[in-house]
Amino acid sequence: MGLHPGIIFLVGLVIIIVGAELMLRGAARVATLLGIKPIVIGLTVVSIGTSMPELAVGITAVTEGKGPLAVGNIAGANIINILLILGLSALIRPLPVHSLSVRLDVPVMVAASLALVAMAWDGVLSRAEGMVMLGAAVAYTFALVRLSRGESAALRREFAEEYSAALIPKTFISSGAWNSLLLFVGLAVTVLGADLLVSGAIDLARDYGVSDAVIGLTIVAIGTTAPELATTLMATFKNERDVAIGNLIGSSIYNILVILGMTCMAARGGIDVSDEILRIDLPLAAAVALVCLPVFTSDRMVSRLEGGLFVAAYLLYLSMLLFIRA
């Protein structure tokens, strides 16, 4: 008698989170060894690193012919990043917006979300569209690194406190080979966890008569955003609020441009996008990104009220998924 799909899913989730953490630590330390500034590590390496579970799940899903699960995971993860995680962070402590990068990030997140809806409109995300996403990711990262040079001393200090080499034991930063090994071990563990998680998710969907898309939008998306949740809440409690916002928005952008772009490249015939995701979830993810424009620019603050409204909106969306579409 085999294990219950729910247990397989949870084991995969735990493994994938451990693997992502190993990858993130290895990547951050290698970046430190290469002399990359903490603010650049925080805005790029950490944002991509916390999205590694989505990449592992996406590639595993498309190789098993479960494209809607891969796209649903990205749409669900971005909705969770903004409505639930950012909302919870602002609910705990209002989030002032000082970072110049956020003023770049929010328009880019809106543009990427709208472009994703347009590219998916024919029901397929092709390899060529994946290449466009990856090209946009390179351009965005280049702009982000240049813009980070103009950030205030206070903001650079905030990122330095979170990601500087001083916080990493010298025994770890002294060996590039060791940290590279840590990076690749994390990658292998993440892939193993993704295989188990997707296998468990597919079996759960079959057992309960739920679509792959809904599974991707709910338990898979909630599971794979665990690194973003942990990173953001820790930064919020430590009062490093620009770190909290930068990581979340950056992760949402890289989810589309890098994670979905690479997933498209891994799918030979492109990724099938289900009608329900195309009509509901991708437009909703774009709408959530659009809402961030007035919220972030009105008074340079995400208030507790706005955070509470974000969380309430996510709970309403989750209820709709579970009780209407499941």
Protein backbone atom coordinates (compact mmCIF):
# COMPACT_ATOMS: atom_id res chain seq x y z
CA MET A 1 0.00 0.00 0.00
CA GLY A 2 1.50 3.33 -1.09
CA LEU A 3 1.68 6.54 0.86
CA HIS A 4 -1.28 8.92 0.77
CA PRO A 5 -0.84 11.65 -1.89
CA GLY A 6 -1.18 14.31 0.82
CA ILE A 7 1.82 12.88 2.69
CA ILE A 8 3.87 12.68 -0.53
CA PHE A 9 2.93 16.32 -1.24
CA LEU A 10 3.98 17.48 2.25
CA VAL A 11 7.26 15.55 2.14
CA GLY A 12 7.99 17.09 -1.26
CA LEU A 13 7.14 20.55 0.09
CA VAL A 14 9.51 20.20 3.05
CA ILE A 15 12.31 18.91 0.80
CA ILE A 16 11.80 21.69 -1.74
CA ILE A 17 11.91 24.41 0.95
CA VAL A 18 15.12 22.94 2.43
CA GLY A 19 16.65 22.73 -1.05
CA ALA A 20 15.65 26.31 -1.87
CA GLU A 21 17.23 27.52 1.37
CA LEU A 22 20.49 25.70 0.56
CA MET A 23 20.48 27.19 -2.94
CA LEU A 24 19.79 30.67 -1.60
CA ARG A 25 22.60 30.48 0.96
CA GLY A 26 25.04 29.12 -1.60
CA ALA A 27 24.13 31.75 -4.19
CA ALA A 28 24.34 34.62 -1.68
CA ARG A 29 27.74 33.48 -0.46
CA VAL A 30 29.13 33.00 -3.97
CA ALA A 31 27.86 36.51 -4.82
CA THR A 32 29.59 37.84 -1.70
CA LEU A 33 32.84 36.13 -2.73
CA LEU A 34 32.54 37.78 -6.15
CA GLY A 35 32.30 41.19 -4.47
CA ILE A 36 28.67 41.88 -5.39
CA LYS A 37 27.13 44.55 -3.17
CA PRO A 38 24.57 43.47 -0.54
CA ILE A 39 21.82 45.64 -2.04
CA VAL A 40 22.28 43.96 -5.43
CA ILE A 41 22.28 40.53 -3.77
CA GLY A 42 19.06 41.44 -1.95
CA LEU A 43 17.29 42.80 -5.03
CA THR A 44 18.33 40.09 -7.48
CA VAL A 45 19.92 36.93 -6.03
CA VAL A 46 17.50 36.66 -3.11
CA SER A 47 14.45 37.50 -5.24
CA ILE A 48 15.37 34.78 -7.74
CA GLY A 49 16.42 32.37 -5.00
CA THR A 50 13.08 32.52 -3.21
CA SER A 51 11.40 31.69 -6.54
CA MET A 52 13.36 28.45 -7.03
CA PRO A 53 10.49 26.24 -5.76
CA GLU A 54 8.24 27.68 -8.48
CA LEU A 55 10.89 26.89 -11.12
CA ALA A 56 11.37 23.31 -9.93
CA VAL A 57 7.62 22.72 -9.80
CA GLY A 58 7.05 24.37 -13.19
CA ILE A 59 9.65 22.34 -15.05
CA THR A 60 8.55 19.10 -13.36
CA ALA A 61 4.91 19.85 -14.20
CA VAL A 62 5.47 20.59 -17.91
CA THR A 63 7.64 17.50 -18.37
CA GLU A 64 4.67 15.49 -17.08
CA GLY A 65 2.22 17.29 -19.37
CA LYS A 66 0.63 19.36 -16.60
CA GLY A 67 0.98 22.85 -18.07
CA PRO A 68 -2.06 24.33 -16.26
CA LEU A 69 -0.50 23.39 -12.93
CA ALA A 70 2.73 25.23 -13.85
CA VAL A 71 0.94 28.41 -15.01
CA GLY A 72 -1.52 28.21 -12.10
CA ASN A 73 1.40 28.01 -9.70
CA ILE A 74 2.91 31.25 -11.06
CA ALA A 75 -0.42 33.13 -11.12
CA GLY A 76 -1.28 31.86 -7.64
CA ALA A 77 2.18 32.64 -6.25
CA ASN A 78 2.06 36.25 -7.50
CA ILE A 79 -1.43 36.77 -6.09
CA ILE A 80 -0.25 35.35 -2.75
CA ASN A 81 2.93 37.48 -2.79
CA ILE A 82 0.99 40.73 -3.02
CA LEU A 83 -2.39 40.12 -1.40
CA LEU A 84 -1.44 37.70 1.38
CA ILE A 85 2.26 38.15 2.19
CA LEU A 86 2.58 41.88 1.50
CA GLY A 87 -0.82 42.40 3.12
CA LEU A 88 0.21 40.50 6.27
CA SER A 89 3.47 42.44 6.41
CA ALA A 90 1.65 45.80 6.23
CA LEU A 91 -0.93 44.57 8.76
CA ILE A 92 1.85 43.81 11.23
CA ARG A 93 3.65 47.09 10.59
CA PRO A 94 2.85 49.83 8.00
CA LEU A 95 5.35 49.72 5.15
CA PRO A 96 6.89 53.02 4.04
CA VAL A 97 8.16 52.96 0.44
CA HIS A 98 11.57 54.63 0.13
CA SER A 99 13.37 52.44 -2.38
CA LEU A 100 13.97 53.82 -5.87
CA SER A 101 13.94 50.23 -7.09
CA VAL A 102 10.31 49.80 -6.01
CA ARG A 103 9.41 52.69 -8.33
CA LEU A 104 10.94 50.64 -11.14
CA ASP A 105 9.64 47.29 -9.84
CA VAL A 106 5.94 48.11 -9.67
CA PRO A 107 5.61 49.36 -13.30
CA VAL A 108 7.70 46.39 -14.47
CA MET A 109 5.49 43.99 -12.48
CA VAL A 110 2.39 45.54 -14.08
CA ALA A 111 3.92 45.38 -17.57
CA ALA A 112 5.06 41.76 -17.09
CA SER A 113 1.62 40.71 -15.78
CA LEU A 114 -0.23 42.36 -18.66
CA ALA A 115 2.24 40.97 -21.21
CA LEU A 116 1.70 37.48 -19.77
CA VAL A 117 -2.06 37.79 -20.30
CA ALA A 118 -1.47 38.91 -23.90
CA MET A 119 1.01 36.11 -24.64
CA ALA A 120 -1.27 33.46 -23.12
CA TRP A 121 -4.36 34.71 -25.02
CA ASP A 122 -4.05 32.01 -27.70
CA GLY A 123 -4.02 29.31 -25.01
CA VAL A 124 -0.33 28.45 -25.34
CA LEU A 125 2.91 29.94 -24.01
CA SER A 126 5.57 29.07 -26.59
CA ARG A 127 9.33 28.71 -26.39
CA ALA A 128 9.71 31.95 -28.38
CA GLU A 129 7.62 33.76 -25.74
CA GLY A 130 9.81 32.16 -23.08
CA MET A 131 12.86 33.68 -24.78
CA VAL A 132 11.16 37.09 -24.79
CA MET A 133 10.53 36.76 -21.04
CA LEU A 134 14.15 35.83 -20.33
CA GLY A 135 15.39 38.72 -22.46
CA ALA A 136 13.15 41.09 -20.51
CA ALA A 137 14.53 39.62 -17.26
CA VAL A 138 18.10 40.45 -18.34
CA ALA A 139 17.11 44.03 -19.24
CA TYR A 140 15.21 44.45 -15.94
CA THR A 141 18.13 43.12 -13.88
CA PHE A 142 20.58 45.43 -15.66
CA ALA A 143 18.31 48.43 -14.96
CA LEU A 144 17.87 47.35 -11.34
CA VAL A 145 21.60 47.07 -10.72
CA ARG A 146 22.19 50.54 -12.25
CA LEU A 147 19.35 52.06 -10.23
CA SER A 148 20.62 50.52 -6.99
CA ARG A 149 23.70 52.76 -7.23
CA GLY A 150 21.47 55.77 -6.65
CA GLU A 151 19.81 54.39 -3.52
CA SER A 152 20.22 56.28 -0.27
CA ALA A 153 22.95 55.41 2.23
CA ALA A 154 20.27 54.38 4.75
CA LEU A 155 18.74 51.91 2.33
CA ARG A 156 22.11 50.44 1.34
CA ARG A 157 22.84 50.02 5.05
CA GLU A 158 19.52 48.18 5.51
CA PHE A 159 20.42 45.66 2.81
CA ALA A 160 23.99 45.39 4.14
CA GLU A 161 22.66 44.47 7.58
CA GLU A 162 20.61 41.69 5.99
CA TYR A 163 23.02 40.33 3.37
CA SER A 164 26.55 41.52 4.14
CA ALA A 165 29.52 39.17 4.38
CA ALA A 166 29.92 40.16 8.04
CA LEU A 167 26.85 38.05 8.85
CA ILE A 168 28.25 34.96 7.11
CA PRO A 169 30.81 32.86 9.07
CA LYS A 170 34.29 33.24 7.58
CA THR A 171 34.64 29.46 7.33
CA PHE A 172 31.77 29.56 4.82
CA ILE A 173 32.82 32.51 2.69
CA SER A 174 36.44 31.38 2.45
CA SER A 175 35.71 28.53 0.07
CA GLY A 176 34.18 29.21 -3.32
CA ALA A 177 34.18 25.47 -4.05
CA TRP A 178 32.25 24.70 -0.85
CA ASN A 179 29.61 27.32 -1.58
CA SER A 180 29.30 26.21 -5.19
CA LEU A 181 28.76 22.66 -3.92
CA LEU A 182 26.11 23.97 -1.51
CA LEU A 183 24.40 25.68 -4.44
CA PHE A 184 24.30 22.51 -6.56
CA VAL A 185 23.26 20.27 -3.66
CA GLY A 186 20.40 22.69 -3.02
CA LEU A 187 19.45 22.46 -6.70
CA ALA A 188 19.40 18.64 -6.60
CA VAL A 189 17.35 18.57 -3.40
CA THR A 190 14.89 21.11 -4.82
CA VAL A 191 14.39 19.04 -7.97
CA LEU A 192 13.75 15.92 -5.87
CA GLY A 193 11.24 17.80 -3.71
CA ALA A 194 9.49 19.20 -6.77
CA ASP A 195 9.10 15.73 -8.25
CA LEU A 196 7.43 14.47 -5.06
CA LEU A 197 5.31 17.61 -4.65
CA VAL A 198 3.98 17.54 -8.21
CA SER A 199 3.35 13.79 -8.03
CA GLY A 200 1.39 14.24 -4.80
CA ALA A 201 -0.51 17.24 -6.17
CA ILE A 202 -1.55 15.37 -9.33
CA ASP A 203 -2.78 12.40 -7.28
CA LEU A 204 -4.69 14.72 -4.93
CA ALA A 205 -6.35 16.41 -7.91
CA ARG A 206 -7.36 13.04 -9.33
CA ASP A 207 -8.61 11.69 -5.96
CA TYR A 208 -10.76 14.73 -5.20
CA GLY A 209 -11.85 15.58 -8.74
CA VAL A 210 -10.11 18.97 -8.71
CA SER A 211 -8.45 20.44 -11.80
CA ASP A 212 -4.66 20.74 -12.08
CA ALA A 213 -5.12 24.51 -12.40
CA VAL A 214 -6.93 24.82 -9.04
CA ILE A 215 -4.34 22.59 -7.34
CA GLY A 216 -1.60 24.84 -8.76
CA LEU A 217 -3.39 27.99 -7.63
CA THR A 218 -3.98 26.76 -4.07
CA ILE A 219 -1.86 24.22 -2.22
CA VAL A 220 1.06 24.25 -4.66
CA ALA A 221 1.20 28.07 -4.82
CA ILE A 222 0.86 28.40 -1.04
CA GLY A 223 3.60 25.82 -0.54
CA THR A 224 6.08 27.26 -3.03
CA THR A 225 5.70 30.82 -1.64
CA ALA A 226 6.89 29.68 1.81
CA PRO A 227 10.41 31.15 1.23
CA GLU A 228 8.90 34.55 0.30
CA LEU A 229 6.66 34.43 3.38
CA ALA A 230 9.55 33.60 5.70
CA THR A 231 11.90 36.20 4.16
CA THR A 232 9.29 38.97 4.22
CA LEU A 233 8.00 38.38 7.74
CA MET A 234 11.54 38.20 9.16
CA ALA A 235 12.45 41.48 7.43
CA THR A 236 9.22 43.05 8.73
CA PHE A 237 9.85 42.02 12.34
CA LYS A 238 13.44 43.33 12.04
CA ASN A 239 12.02 46.62 10.68
CA GLU A 240 13.91 46.18 7.39
CA ARG A 241 10.83 47.13 5.43
CA ASP A 242 12.41 48.11 2.12
CA VAL A 243 14.02 44.66 2.11
CA ALA A 244 10.57 43.15 2.68
CA ILE A 245 8.92 45.04 -0.20
CA GLY A 246 11.88 44.70 -2.57
CA ASN A 247 12.04 40.92 -2.16
CA LEU A 248 8.31 40.44 -2.71
CA ILE A 249 7.93 42.63 -5.77
CA GLY A 250 11.20 41.36 -7.22
CA SER A 251 10.12 37.76 -6.68
CA SER A 252 6.79 38.43 -8.44
CA ILE A 253 8.62 39.87 -11.46
CA TYR A 254 11.15 37.05 -11.65
CA ASN A 255 8.33 34.49 -11.28
CA ILE A 256 7.04 35.63 -14.66
CA LEU A 257 10.18 36.66 -16.52
CA VAL A 258 12.67 34.04 -15.30
CA ILE A 259 10.69 31.17 -13.80
CA LEU A 260 7.89 31.02 -16.37
CA GLY A 261 10.35 31.94 -19.14
CA MET A 262 12.60 28.99 -18.28
CA THR A 263 9.57 26.72 -17.87
CA CYS A 264 8.43 27.66 -21.39
CA MET A 265 11.90 26.83 -22.69
CA ALA A 266 11.70 23.39 -21.03
CA ALA A 267 8.36 22.57 -22.69
CA ARG A 268 8.86 21.25 -26.22
CA GLY A 269 5.47 22.24 -27.58
CA GLY A 270 4.94 25.17 -25.24
CA ILE A 271 2.74 25.29 -22.15
CA ASP A 272 -1.01 24.84 -22.41
CA VAL A 273 -2.95 27.51 -20.51
CA SER A 274 -6.39 26.40 -19.36
CA ASP A 275 -9.43 28.58 -20.08
CA GLU A 276 -10.18 29.17 -16.40
CA ILE A 277 -6.66 30.47 -15.70
CA LEU A 278 -6.75 32.63 -18.84
CA ARG A 279 -10.17 34.14 -18.06
CA ILE A 280 -9.85 34.52 -14.28
CA ASP A 281 -6.47 34.08 -12.63
CA LEU A 282 -4.00 35.73 -15.01
CA PRO A 283 -6.21 38.86 -15.36
CA LEU A 284 -6.63 38.86 -11.56
CA ALA A 285 -2.85 38.68 -11.05
CA ALA A 286 -2.51 41.63 -13.47
CA ALA A 287 -5.25 43.54 -11.62
CA VAL A 288 -3.48 42.95 -8.29
CA ALA A 289 -0.26 44.33 -9.81
CA LEU A 290 -2.16 47.38 -11.13
CA VAL A 291 -3.64 48.08 -7.68
CA CYS A 292 -0.09 48.38 -6.34
CA LEU A 293 0.52 51.50 -8.45
CA PRO A 294 -1.83 53.84 -6.53
CA VAL A 295 -1.14 52.08 -3.21
CA PHE A 296 2.63 52.49 -3.49
CA THR A 297 2.65 56.00 -4.96
CA SER A 298 -0.21 57.73 -3.10
CA ASP A 299 1.55 58.53 0.18
CA ARG A 300 4.68 56.36 -0.15
CA MET A 301 3.15 54.01 2.40
CA VAL A 302 1.32 50.69 2.50
CA SER A 303 -0.94 51.25 5.51
CA ARG A 304 -2.42 48.70 7.92
CA LEU A 305 -5.84 49.34 6.37
CA GLU A 306 -4.52 48.61 2.87
CA GLY A 307 -2.74 45.52 4.20
CA GLY A 308 -5.96 44.32 5.82
CA LEU A 309 -7.89 44.87 2.58
CA PHE A 310 -5.23 42.89 0.66
CA VAL A 311 -5.51 39.95 3.08
CA ALA A 312 -9.33 40.07 3.00
CA ALA A 313 -9.25 40.09 -0.83
CA TYR A 314 -6.99 37.02 -0.84
CA LEU A 315 -9.24 35.13 1.59
CA LEU A 316 -12.22 35.95 -0.64
CA TYR A 317 -10.33 34.69 -3.71
CA LEU A 318 -9.26 31.52 -1.89
CA SER A 319 -12.85 30.87 -0.79
CA MET A 320 -13.99 31.23 -4.40
CA LEU A 321 -11.35 28.73 -5.51
CA LEU A 322 -12.25 26.17 -2.86
CA PHE A 323 -16.03 26.43 -2.81
CA ILE A 324 -16.96 27.45 -6.35
CA ARG A 325 -14.25 26.24 -8.73
CA ALA A 326 -12.95 23.16 -6.90
